[in-house]
Amino acid sequence: MTEDLTAVARFLFEAGSLKNSRRTGWWMAGVRDPESVAEHSWRTALMASVVAALEGADPNRAAFLATWHDTQETRTGDVNHLGKKYTPGADPRAVTEDQVAGMPAILADTVRGLIGEYEDKETAESICARDADKLECLVQGIEYKAQGYANVQRWIDNSRGRLVTKSARLLADALLAQDSLDWLREILGEPRPESPAEGAPATT
């Protein structure tokens, strides 16, 4: 008899709502149409694999943790740091418990384990995944600043200051030394343009 996957199918539709859920902290910096939670999670997972590999941890596990780290926000929304000052945060484990209700035990146990490991902050992979979460915010801030959103500097600085691993800190410094389009200029053999101040968007 085929196992009932109705609860899994419903969760996959639920997870899709993160494509439309905005990262609300950027609104305070004046970004009108900020990235979605899903967009943030994708690059966080990529960065988690990078940081973990550099740290000698398991990049697959770190990316797995990062992929799931914000899945509870389908039900809570993205509550930024200011909002958390006034609204008690939902327990990610409790939200996850509701989300996996009715799923096959092997899958439900896997997801519970992932969220628990991420929240406990004890394994090398969870630490790398959490650093990747902050690194992604830093990179997104650099990109928004290049678009003219000067107020995002606060998010860039705070993200850099919260990094734990040596590799994440070194990577952050390398990112801060780059322009967000240096990768494209290098491929095309174009020189980097002069800017009024290093790291600041040019004005026209």
N, C-alpha and C. Protein backbone atom coordinates (compact mmCIF):
# COMPACT_ATOMS: atom_id res chain seq x y z
N MET A 1 0.85 -1.20 0.00
CA MET A 1 0.00 0.00 0.00
C MET A 1 0.88 1.25 0.00
N THR A 2 0.57 2.18 -0.85
CA THR A 2 1.34 3.41 -0.96
C THR A 2 1.11 4.28 0.27
N GLU A 3 2.21 4.82 0.79
CA GLU A 3 2.09 5.67 1.98
C GLU A 3 1.38 6.97 1.62
N ASP A 4 0.56 7.45 2.54
CA ASP A 4 -0.20 8.67 2.30
C ASP A 4 0.75 9.88 2.37
N LEU A 5 0.88 10.60 1.27
CA LEU A 5 1.75 11.77 1.22
C LEU A 5 0.96 13.08 1.13
N THR A 6 -0.30 13.03 1.52
CA THR A 6 -1.14 14.23 1.45
C THR A 6 -0.54 15.38 2.25
N ALA A 7 -0.09 15.09 3.47
CA ALA A 7 0.47 16.16 4.32
C ALA A 7 1.74 16.73 3.71
N VAL A 8 2.53 15.89 3.06
CA VAL A 8 3.75 16.37 2.41
C VAL A 8 3.40 17.27 1.24
N ALA A 9 2.44 16.85 0.43
CA ALA A 9 2.02 17.65 -0.72
C ALA A 9 1.52 19.01 -0.26
N ARG A 10 0.75 19.02 0.81
CA ARG A 10 0.23 20.31 1.31
C ARG A 10 1.35 21.21 1.80
N PHE A 11 2.35 20.60 2.45
CA PHE A 11 3.47 21.41 2.93
C PHE A 11 4.25 22.01 1.77
N LEU A 12 4.39 21.28 0.69
CA LEU A 12 5.14 21.81 -0.45
C LEU A 12 4.44 23.03 -1.05
N PHE A 13 3.11 23.01 -1.08
CA PHE A 13 2.39 24.21 -1.49
C PHE A 13 2.61 25.34 -0.47
N GLU A 14 2.57 24.97 0.80
CA GLU A 14 2.79 25.96 1.87
C GLU A 14 4.17 26.59 1.74
N ALA A 15 5.18 25.76 1.49
CA ALA A 15 6.55 26.27 1.36
C ALA A 15 6.66 27.26 0.21
N GLY A 16 5.87 27.04 -0.83
CA GLY A 16 5.90 27.94 -1.97
C GLY A 16 5.50 29.36 -1.64
N SER A 17 4.75 29.54 -0.55
CA SER A 17 4.34 30.90 -0.17
C SER A 17 5.53 31.76 0.23
N LEU A 18 6.66 31.12 0.55
CA LEU A 18 7.86 31.90 0.90
C LEU A 18 8.42 32.65 -0.29
N LYS A 19 8.01 32.28 -1.49
CA LYS A 19 8.42 33.03 -2.67
C LYS A 19 7.82 34.43 -2.67
N ASN A 20 6.69 34.57 -1.97
CA ASN A 20 5.99 35.85 -1.94
C ASN A 20 6.11 36.57 -0.60
N SER A 21 6.79 35.95 0.35
CA SER A 21 6.94 36.53 1.69
C SER A 21 8.21 37.38 1.72
N ARG A 22 8.08 38.65 2.04
CA ARG A 22 9.20 39.58 1.97
C ARG A 22 10.01 39.60 3.26
N ARG A 23 11.28 39.88 3.13
CA ARG A 23 12.17 40.07 4.28
C ARG A 23 11.94 41.50 4.77
N THR A 24 11.18 41.63 5.85
CA THR A 24 10.59 42.91 6.22
C THR A 24 11.58 43.94 6.76
N GLY A 25 12.73 43.50 7.26
CA GLY A 25 13.69 44.46 7.80
C GLY A 25 14.16 45.47 6.78
N TRP A 26 14.23 45.05 5.52
CA TRP A 26 14.70 45.95 4.46
C TRP A 26 13.76 47.12 4.23
N TRP A 27 12.49 46.97 4.58
CA TRP A 27 11.57 48.09 4.42
C TRP A 27 12.01 49.29 5.26
N MET A 28 12.55 49.01 6.44
CA MET A 28 13.01 50.11 7.31
C MET A 28 14.19 50.86 6.70
N ALA A 29 14.91 50.18 5.80
CA ALA A 29 16.03 50.82 5.11
C ALA A 29 15.59 51.51 3.83
N GLY A 30 14.28 51.47 3.56
CA GLY A 30 13.75 52.16 2.40
C GLY A 30 13.64 51.31 1.14
N VAL A 31 13.94 50.01 1.26
CA VAL A 31 13.86 49.13 0.09
C VAL A 31 12.39 48.78 -0.15
N ARG A 32 11.83 49.23 -1.25
CA ARG A 32 10.39 49.07 -1.48
C ARG A 32 9.98 47.65 -1.80
N ASP A 33 10.80 46.96 -2.55
CA ASP A 33 10.46 45.59 -2.96
C ASP A 33 11.62 44.66 -2.60
N PRO A 34 11.75 44.35 -1.31
CA PRO A 34 12.89 43.54 -0.86
C PRO A 34 12.78 42.09 -1.29
N GLU A 35 13.88 41.39 -1.14
CA GLU A 35 13.95 39.98 -1.47
C GLU A 35 12.92 39.18 -0.70
N SER A 36 12.56 38.04 -1.25
CA SER A 36 11.64 37.13 -0.55
C SER A 36 12.43 36.23 0.39
N VAL A 37 11.72 35.61 1.31
CA VAL A 37 12.34 34.65 2.22
C VAL A 37 12.94 33.49 1.42
N ALA A 38 12.24 33.06 0.37
CA ALA A 38 12.75 31.96 -0.45
C ALA A 38 14.06 32.34 -1.14
N GLU A 39 14.14 33.56 -1.65
CA GLU A 39 15.37 34.01 -2.30
C GLU A 39 16.52 34.05 -1.31
N HIS A 40 16.23 34.56 -0.13
CA HIS A 40 17.25 34.61 0.92
C HIS A 40 17.71 33.20 1.29
N SER A 41 16.77 32.27 1.41
CA SER A 41 17.11 30.92 1.84
C SER A 41 17.97 30.20 0.80
N TRP A 42 17.71 30.45 -0.47
CA TRP A 42 18.50 29.78 -1.51
C TRP A 42 19.97 30.18 -1.40
N ARG A 43 20.25 31.49 -1.33
CA ARG A 43 21.65 31.89 -1.29
C ARG A 43 22.28 31.56 0.06
N THR A 44 21.48 31.55 1.12
CA THR A 44 22.00 31.13 2.41
C THR A 44 22.48 29.68 2.36
N ALA A 45 21.70 28.81 1.71
CA ALA A 45 22.10 27.41 1.59
C ALA A 45 23.39 27.28 0.80
N LEU A 46 23.51 28.04 -0.28
CA LEU A 46 24.74 28.03 -1.07
C LEU A 46 25.92 28.48 -0.23
N MET A 47 25.74 29.57 0.49
CA MET A 47 26.82 30.10 1.32
C MET A 47 27.17 29.15 2.47
N ALA A 48 26.17 28.46 3.00
CA ALA A 48 26.43 27.52 4.08
C ALA A 48 27.36 26.41 3.60
N SER A 49 27.16 25.94 2.38
CA SER A 49 28.05 24.90 1.85
C SER A 49 29.46 25.44 1.67
N VAL A 50 29.58 26.70 1.29
CA VAL A 50 30.90 27.32 1.10
C VAL A 50 31.62 27.47 2.44
N VAL A 51 30.93 28.04 3.42
CA VAL A 51 31.55 28.26 4.73
C VAL A 51 31.92 26.93 5.37
N ALA A 52 31.03 25.96 5.29
CA ALA A 52 31.31 24.65 5.90
C ALA A 52 32.53 23.98 5.26
N ALA A 53 32.62 24.05 3.93
CA ALA A 53 33.77 23.46 3.25
C ALA A 53 35.06 24.13 3.71
N LEU A 54 35.04 25.44 3.83
CA LEU A 54 36.23 26.18 4.27
C LEU A 54 36.59 25.87 5.72
N GLU A 55 35.57 25.56 6.53
CA GLU A 55 35.78 25.28 7.94
C GLU A 55 36.08 23.81 8.22
N GLY A 56 36.04 22.98 7.20
CA GLY A 56 36.27 21.56 7.40
C GLY A 56 35.06 20.83 7.94
N ALA A 57 33.89 21.43 7.85
CA ALA A 57 32.64 20.79 8.27
C ALA A 57 31.99 20.15 7.05
N ASP A 58 30.82 19.56 7.24
CA ASP A 58 30.12 18.87 6.16
C ASP A 58 29.28 19.89 5.38
N PRO A 59 29.68 20.23 4.15
CA PRO A 59 28.94 21.24 3.39
C PRO A 59 27.53 20.80 3.04
N ASN A 60 27.33 19.50 2.84
CA ASN A 60 25.99 19.01 2.51
C ASN A 60 25.02 19.21 3.68
N ARG A 61 25.49 18.87 4.88
CA ARG A 61 24.65 19.04 6.06
C ARG A 61 24.37 20.52 6.33
N ALA A 62 25.37 21.35 6.19
CA ALA A 62 25.19 22.79 6.42
C ALA A 62 24.18 23.37 5.45
N ALA A 63 24.27 22.99 4.18
CA ALA A 63 23.33 23.48 3.19
C ALA A 63 21.92 22.97 3.47
N PHE A 64 21.83 21.72 3.92
CA PHE A 64 20.54 21.12 4.28
C PHE A 64 19.88 21.91 5.41
N LEU A 65 20.67 22.22 6.43
CA LEU A 65 20.15 23.02 7.55
C LEU A 65 19.68 24.40 7.08
N ALA A 66 20.49 25.04 6.24
CA ALA A 66 20.16 26.38 5.78
C ALA A 66 18.92 26.39 4.90
N THR A 67 18.72 25.34 4.13
CA THR A 67 17.53 25.26 3.28
C THR A 67 16.24 25.31 4.09
N TRP A 68 16.27 24.71 5.28
CA TRP A 68 15.08 24.61 6.11
C TRP A 68 14.99 25.68 7.19
N HIS A 69 16.00 26.53 7.32
CA HIS A 69 16.10 27.36 8.53
C HIS A 69 14.98 28.38 8.70
N ASP A 70 14.34 28.81 7.62
CA ASP A 70 13.27 29.80 7.72
C ASP A 70 11.91 29.25 7.30
N THR A 71 11.77 27.93 7.23
CA THR A 71 10.51 27.37 6.75
C THR A 71 9.34 27.65 7.68
N GLN A 72 9.62 27.94 8.93
CA GLN A 72 8.51 28.26 9.86
C GLN A 72 7.82 29.57 9.48
N GLU A 73 8.49 30.39 8.69
CA GLU A 73 7.94 31.71 8.36
C GLU A 73 6.74 31.65 7.42
N THR A 74 6.41 30.44 6.93
CA THR A 74 5.15 30.31 6.20
C THR A 74 3.97 30.60 7.12
N ARG A 75 4.19 30.38 8.43
CA ARG A 75 3.10 30.55 9.39
C ARG A 75 3.27 31.78 10.29
N THR A 76 4.49 32.21 10.47
CA THR A 76 4.73 33.36 11.36
C THR A 76 5.01 34.64 10.60
N GLY A 77 5.36 34.52 9.32
CA GLY A 77 5.86 35.68 8.59
C GLY A 77 7.28 35.99 9.02
N ASP A 78 7.92 36.90 8.33
CA ASP A 78 9.27 37.32 8.68
C ASP A 78 9.17 38.43 9.73
N VAL A 79 9.54 38.12 10.95
CA VAL A 79 9.52 39.12 12.03
C VAL A 79 10.93 39.66 12.19
N ASN A 80 11.12 40.95 11.88
CA ASN A 80 12.45 41.53 11.96
C ASN A 80 12.84 41.83 13.41
N HIS A 81 14.07 42.29 13.60
CA HIS A 81 14.59 42.48 14.96
C HIS A 81 13.78 43.50 15.76
N LEU A 82 13.30 44.54 15.12
CA LEU A 82 12.48 45.51 15.84
C LEU A 82 11.17 44.88 16.28
N GLY A 83 10.55 44.10 15.40
CA GLY A 83 9.29 43.45 15.74
C GLY A 83 9.44 42.47 16.88
N LYS A 84 10.60 41.80 16.94
CA LYS A 84 10.83 40.83 18.01
C LYS A 84 10.92 41.49 19.38
N LYS A 85 11.21 42.79 19.40
CA LYS A 85 11.26 43.51 20.67
C LYS A 85 9.88 43.59 21.31
N TYR A 86 8.84 43.59 20.48
CA TYR A 86 7.48 43.77 20.98
C TYR A 86 6.62 42.51 20.90
N THR A 87 7.02 41.57 20.06
CA THR A 87 6.24 40.35 19.87
C THR A 87 7.07 39.15 20.27
N PRO A 88 6.62 38.39 21.26
CA PRO A 88 7.36 37.19 21.64
C PRO A 88 7.54 36.27 20.43
N GLY A 89 8.76 35.81 20.22
CA GLY A 89 9.04 34.98 19.06
C GLY A 89 8.42 33.60 19.19
N ALA A 90 7.90 33.11 18.09
CA ALA A 90 7.38 31.74 18.07
C ALA A 90 8.53 30.75 18.15
N ASP A 91 8.33 29.67 18.85
CA ASP A 91 9.35 28.64 18.96
C ASP A 91 9.42 27.88 17.64
N PRO A 92 10.56 27.95 16.92
CA PRO A 92 10.66 27.25 15.63
C PRO A 92 10.35 25.76 15.73
N ARG A 93 10.72 25.15 16.86
CA ARG A 93 10.44 23.73 17.03
C ARG A 93 8.93 23.47 17.08
N ALA A 94 8.21 24.33 17.78
CA ALA A 94 6.75 24.15 17.91
C ALA A 94 6.06 24.36 16.57
N VAL A 95 6.51 25.36 15.82
CA VAL A 95 5.93 25.59 14.49
C VAL A 95 6.19 24.39 13.59
N THR A 96 7.44 23.91 13.63
CA THR A 96 7.81 22.75 12.82
C THR A 96 6.97 21.53 13.19
N GLU A 97 6.72 21.35 14.47
CA GLU A 97 5.92 20.21 14.93
C GLU A 97 4.55 20.23 14.27
N ASP A 98 3.95 21.40 14.18
CA ASP A 98 2.65 21.52 13.50
C ASP A 98 2.78 21.27 12.00
N GLN A 99 3.87 21.76 11.42
CA GLN A 99 4.04 21.61 9.97
C GLN A 99 4.21 20.16 9.53
N VAL A 100 4.87 19.37 10.35
CA VAL A 100 5.14 17.98 9.95
C VAL A 100 4.05 17.00 10.40
N ALA A 101 3.03 17.50 11.07
CA ALA A 101 1.94 16.63 11.52
C ALA A 101 1.34 15.89 10.33
N GLY A 102 1.23 14.59 10.44
CA GLY A 102 0.64 13.78 9.38
C GLY A 102 1.62 13.31 8.34
N MET A 103 2.85 13.80 8.38
CA MET A 103 3.85 13.34 7.42
C MET A 103 4.37 11.96 7.82
N PRO A 104 4.90 11.20 6.88
CA PRO A 104 5.53 9.93 7.23
C PRO A 104 6.59 10.14 8.31
N ALA A 105 6.69 9.23 9.24
CA ALA A 105 7.57 9.40 10.40
C ALA A 105 9.01 9.66 10.00
N ILE A 106 9.50 8.98 8.97
CA ILE A 106 10.90 9.15 8.59
C ILE A 106 11.19 10.58 8.13
N LEU A 107 10.22 11.20 7.47
CA LEU A 107 10.39 12.58 7.02
C LEU A 107 10.20 13.55 8.17
N ALA A 108 9.16 13.33 8.97
CA ALA A 108 8.89 14.23 10.10
C ALA A 108 10.07 14.24 11.06
N ASP A 109 10.64 13.08 11.33
CA ASP A 109 11.79 13.01 12.23
C ASP A 109 13.00 13.73 11.64
N THR A 110 13.18 13.63 10.34
CA THR A 110 14.29 14.31 9.68
C THR A 110 14.17 15.82 9.83
N VAL A 111 12.99 16.34 9.57
CA VAL A 111 12.78 17.79 9.64
C VAL A 111 12.91 18.27 11.09
N ARG A 112 12.32 17.55 12.03
CA ARG A 112 12.48 17.93 13.44
C ARG A 112 13.95 17.98 13.82
N GLY A 113 14.71 17.00 13.38
CA GLY A 113 16.13 16.95 13.69
C GLY A 113 16.88 18.12 13.11
N LEU A 114 16.54 18.50 11.89
CA LEU A 114 17.20 19.64 11.25
C LEU A 114 16.96 20.93 12.01
N ILE A 115 15.69 21.18 12.33
CA ILE A 115 15.35 22.42 13.03
C ILE A 115 15.95 22.43 14.42
N GLY A 116 15.92 21.30 15.10
CA GLY A 116 16.52 21.23 16.43
C GLY A 116 18.01 21.49 16.39
N GLU A 117 18.69 20.90 15.43
CA GLU A 117 20.14 21.10 15.31
C GLU A 117 20.46 22.56 15.01
N TYR A 118 19.70 23.17 14.12
CA TYR A 118 19.93 24.58 13.78
C TYR A 118 19.73 25.47 14.99
N GLU A 119 18.67 25.22 15.73
CA GLU A 119 18.34 26.07 16.88
C GLU A 119 19.28 25.84 18.06
N ASP A 120 19.83 24.65 18.20
CA ASP A 120 20.74 24.35 19.32
C ASP A 120 22.11 25.01 19.16
N LYS A 121 22.51 25.30 17.93
CA LYS A 121 23.76 26.04 17.65
C LYS A 121 25.00 25.33 18.20
N GLU A 122 25.00 24.01 18.16
CA GLU A 122 26.11 23.28 18.76
C GLU A 122 27.02 22.61 17.74
N THR A 123 26.47 22.10 16.66
CA THR A 123 27.30 21.40 15.68
C THR A 123 28.02 22.40 14.79
N ALA A 124 29.14 21.96 14.23
CA ALA A 124 29.90 22.83 13.32
C ALA A 124 29.03 23.24 12.13
N GLU A 125 28.21 22.32 11.66
CA GLU A 125 27.38 22.61 10.50
C GLU A 125 26.30 23.64 10.81
N SER A 126 25.72 23.57 12.00
CA SER A 126 24.70 24.57 12.36
C SER A 126 25.32 25.95 12.53
N ILE A 127 26.53 25.98 13.07
CA ILE A 127 27.22 27.26 13.23
C ILE A 127 27.55 27.86 11.86
N CYS A 128 27.98 27.02 10.94
CA CYS A 128 28.27 27.49 9.58
C CYS A 128 26.99 27.97 8.89
N ALA A 129 25.89 27.25 9.08
CA ALA A 129 24.62 27.65 8.47
C ALA A 129 24.14 28.97 9.03
N ARG A 130 24.32 29.18 10.33
CA ARG A 130 23.89 30.43 10.94
C ARG A 130 24.77 31.58 10.48
N ASP A 131 26.07 31.33 10.31
CA ASP A 131 26.94 32.36 9.75
C ASP A 131 26.53 32.69 8.32
N ALA A 132 26.14 31.68 7.57
CA ALA A 132 25.70 31.91 6.19
C ALA A 132 24.45 32.78 6.15
N ASP A 133 23.57 32.62 7.11
CA ASP A 133 22.37 33.45 7.21
C ASP A 133 22.76 34.92 7.35
N LYS A 134 23.76 35.19 8.15
CA LYS A 134 24.22 36.56 8.34
C LYS A 134 25.00 37.07 7.12
N LEU A 135 25.80 36.19 6.54
CA LEU A 135 26.55 36.57 5.35
C LEU A 135 25.62 36.94 4.19
N GLU A 136 24.54 36.20 4.05
CA GLU A 136 23.60 36.49 2.97
C GLU A 136 22.99 37.87 3.16
N CYS A 137 22.70 38.21 4.41
CA CYS A 137 22.16 39.55 4.70
C CYS A 137 23.20 40.61 4.35
N LEU A 138 24.45 40.35 4.66
CA LEU A 138 25.54 41.28 4.34
C LEU A 138 25.64 41.49 2.83
N VAL A 139 25.63 40.40 2.07
CA VAL A 139 25.74 40.51 0.61
C VAL A 139 24.54 41.23 0.03
N GLN A 140 23.35 40.90 0.52
CA GLN A 140 22.16 41.58 0.02
C GLN A 140 22.24 43.08 0.33
N GLY A 141 22.77 43.40 1.50
CA GLY A 141 22.95 44.80 1.84
C GLY A 141 23.90 45.51 0.89
N ILE A 142 25.00 44.85 0.55
CA ILE A 142 25.94 45.43 -0.41
C ILE A 142 25.25 45.70 -1.74
N GLU A 143 24.44 44.75 -2.18
CA GLU A 143 23.74 44.91 -3.45
C GLU A 143 22.71 46.04 -3.38
N TYR A 144 21.98 46.13 -2.27
CA TYR A 144 21.02 47.22 -2.14
C TYR A 144 21.73 48.58 -2.05
N LYS A 145 22.87 48.61 -1.39
CA LYS A 145 23.61 49.87 -1.29
C LYS A 145 24.07 50.34 -2.66
N ALA A 146 24.46 49.40 -3.50
CA ALA A 146 24.88 49.74 -4.86
C ALA A 146 23.71 50.30 -5.67
N GLN A 147 22.48 49.97 -5.24
CA GLN A 147 21.30 50.50 -5.91
C GLN A 147 20.87 51.85 -5.35
N GLY A 148 21.62 52.33 -4.36
CA GLY A 148 21.34 53.66 -3.82
C GLY A 148 20.69 53.69 -2.46
N TYR A 149 20.50 52.54 -1.81
CA TYR A 149 19.87 52.50 -0.49
C TYR A 149 20.94 52.63 0.59
N ALA A 150 21.29 53.85 0.91
CA ALA A 150 22.40 54.11 1.83
C ALA A 150 22.13 53.59 3.24
N ASN A 151 20.88 53.54 3.65
CA ASN A 151 20.55 53.15 5.02
C ASN A 151 20.83 51.68 5.33
N VAL A 152 21.10 50.89 4.31
CA VAL A 152 21.36 49.46 4.56
C VAL A 152 22.73 49.24 5.20
N GLN A 153 23.54 50.28 5.33
CA GLN A 153 24.86 50.11 5.94
C GLN A 153 24.75 49.52 7.34
N ARG A 154 23.69 49.87 8.04
CA ARG A 154 23.46 49.31 9.38
C ARG A 154 23.37 47.78 9.34
N TRP A 155 22.66 47.25 8.35
CA TRP A 155 22.49 45.81 8.21
C TRP A 155 23.82 45.15 7.82
N ILE A 156 24.58 45.82 6.99
CA ILE A 156 25.90 45.30 6.60
C ILE A 156 26.81 45.20 7.82
N ASP A 157 26.88 46.27 8.58
CA ASP A 157 27.77 46.30 9.75
C ASP A 157 27.34 45.29 10.81
N ASN A 158 26.04 45.23 11.08
CA ASN A 158 25.56 44.30 12.10
C ASN A 158 25.79 42.85 11.70
N SER A 159 25.60 42.55 10.43
CA SER A 159 25.82 41.18 9.95
C SER A 159 27.29 40.80 10.10
N ARG A 160 28.18 41.71 9.73
CA ARG A 160 29.62 41.42 9.84
C ARG A 160 30.01 41.20 11.30
N GLY A 161 29.44 41.97 12.21
CA GLY A 161 29.79 41.87 13.62
C GLY A 161 29.29 40.62 14.31
N ARG A 162 28.32 39.94 13.72
CA ARG A 162 27.74 38.75 14.35
C ARG A 162 28.32 37.44 13.85
N LEU A 163 29.25 37.50 12.93
CA LEU A 163 29.83 36.28 12.39
C LEU A 163 30.71 35.59 13.42
N VAL A 164 30.71 34.27 13.42
CA VAL A 164 31.41 33.48 14.42
C VAL A 164 32.66 32.80 13.85
N THR A 165 32.52 32.17 12.71
CA THR A 165 33.64 31.39 12.18
C THR A 165 34.68 32.27 11.50
N LYS A 166 35.91 31.80 11.52
CA LYS A 166 37.00 32.53 10.87
C LYS A 166 36.75 32.65 9.37
N SER A 167 36.30 31.57 8.77
CA SER A 167 36.08 31.58 7.32
C SER A 167 35.00 32.58 6.92
N ALA A 168 33.92 32.65 7.70
CA ALA A 168 32.85 33.59 7.39
C ALA A 168 33.33 35.03 7.53
N ARG A 169 34.14 35.29 8.54
CA ARG A 169 34.66 36.65 8.73
C ARG A 169 35.59 37.05 7.58
N LEU A 170 36.46 36.13 7.18
CA LEU A 170 37.36 36.42 6.06
C LEU A 170 36.58 36.60 4.76
N LEU A 171 35.57 35.78 4.57
CA LEU A 171 34.75 35.89 3.38
C LEU A 171 33.98 37.21 3.36
N ALA A 172 33.49 37.62 4.53
CA ALA A 172 32.80 38.90 4.62
C ALA A 172 33.72 40.05 4.22
N ASP A 173 34.95 40.01 4.68
CA ASP A 173 35.90 41.06 4.33
C ASP A 173 36.19 41.07 2.83
N ALA A 174 36.27 39.87 2.23
CA ALA A 174 36.48 39.78 0.79
C ALA A 174 35.29 40.34 0.02
N LEU A 175 34.09 40.06 0.53
CA LEU A 175 32.88 40.59 -0.10
C LEU A 175 32.82 42.11 0.00
N LEU A 176 33.19 42.63 1.15
CA LEU A 176 33.15 44.08 1.36
C LEU A 176 34.17 44.81 0.50
N ALA A 177 35.20 44.11 0.08
CA ALA A 177 36.22 44.72 -0.77
C ALA A 177 35.84 44.70 -2.25
N GLN A 178 34.71 44.03 -2.56
CA GLN A 178 34.27 43.90 -3.94
C GLN A 178 33.14 44.86 -4.26
N ASP A 179 33.03 45.18 -5.53
CA ASP A 179 31.82 45.79 -6.07
C ASP A 179 30.89 44.66 -6.48
N SER A 180 29.60 44.86 -6.40
CA SER A 180 28.68 43.76 -6.68
C SER A 180 28.70 43.29 -8.13
N LEU A 181 29.34 44.03 -9.02
CA LEU A 181 29.45 43.59 -10.42
C LEU A 181 30.90 43.32 -10.84
N ASP A 182 31.81 43.24 -9.88
CA ASP A 182 33.19 42.92 -10.23
C ASP A 182 33.32 41.57 -10.92
N TRP A 183 32.48 40.60 -10.54
CA TRP A 183 32.52 39.28 -11.17
C TRP A 183 32.27 39.38 -12.67
N LEU A 184 31.32 40.25 -13.07
CA LEU A 184 30.97 40.40 -14.47
C LEU A 184 32.08 41.14 -15.23
N ARG A 185 32.62 42.17 -14.59
CA ARG A 185 33.69 42.93 -15.24
C ARG A 185 34.91 42.05 -15.50
N GLU A 186 35.21 41.17 -14.54
CA GLU A 186 36.36 40.28 -14.72
C GLU A 186 36.16 39.34 -15.90
N ILE A 187 34.95 38.79 -16.02
CA ILE A 187 34.65 37.89 -17.13
C ILE A 187 34.77 38.61 -18.47
N LEU A 188 34.30 39.86 -18.52
CA LEU A 188 34.30 40.62 -19.77
C LEU A 188 35.60 41.38 -20.00
N GLY A 189 36.53 41.32 -19.05
CA GLY A 189 37.80 42.00 -19.20
C GLY A 189 37.69 43.51 -19.10
N GLU A 190 36.72 43.97 -18.33
CA GLU A 190 36.51 45.41 -18.18
C GLU A 190 37.17 45.92 -16.90
N PRO A 191 37.70 47.12 -16.89
CA PRO A 191 38.28 47.67 -15.67
C PRO A 191 37.20 48.07 -14.67
N ARG A 192 37.56 48.04 -13.42
CA ARG A 192 36.63 48.49 -12.38
C ARG A 192 36.59 50.01 -12.42
N PRO A 193 35.40 50.61 -12.45
CA PRO A 193 35.31 52.08 -12.53
C PRO A 193 35.75 52.75 -11.23
N GLU A 194 36.25 53.95 -11.38
CA GLU A 194 36.59 54.75 -10.20
C GLU A 194 35.31 55.14 -9.50
N SER A 195 35.33 55.14 -8.16
CA SER A 195 34.14 55.56 -7.40
C SER A 195 34.56 56.64 -6.41
N PRO A 196 33.63 57.52 -6.03
CA PRO A 196 33.95 58.62 -5.09
C PRO A 196 34.49 58.11 -3.77
N ALA A 197 33.96 57.00 -3.30
CA ALA A 197 34.42 56.41 -2.04
C ALA A 197 34.33 54.92 -2.19
N GLU A 198 35.33 54.18 -1.71
CA GLU A 198 35.35 52.73 -1.85
C GLU A 198 34.12 52.12 -1.22
N GLY A 199 33.40 51.33 -2.01
CA GLY A 199 32.23 50.65 -1.49
C GLY A 199 30.95 51.46 -1.59
N ALA A 200 31.05 52.75 -1.96
CA ALA A 200 29.87 53.59 -2.05
C ALA A 200 29.36 53.60 -3.49
N PRO A 201 28.07 53.64 -3.71
CA PRO A 201 27.54 53.69 -5.06
C PRO A 201 27.87 54.99 -5.75
N ALA A 202 28.23 54.93 -7.01
CA ALA A 202 28.55 56.16 -7.74
C ALA A 202 27.27 56.95 -7.98
N THR A 203 27.40 58.24 -7.99
CA THR A 203 26.25 59.11 -8.24
C THR A 203 26.34 59.65 -9.65
N THR A 204 25.18 59.93 -10.22
CA THR A 204 25.15 60.46 -11.60
C THR A 204 24.45 61.81 -11.61
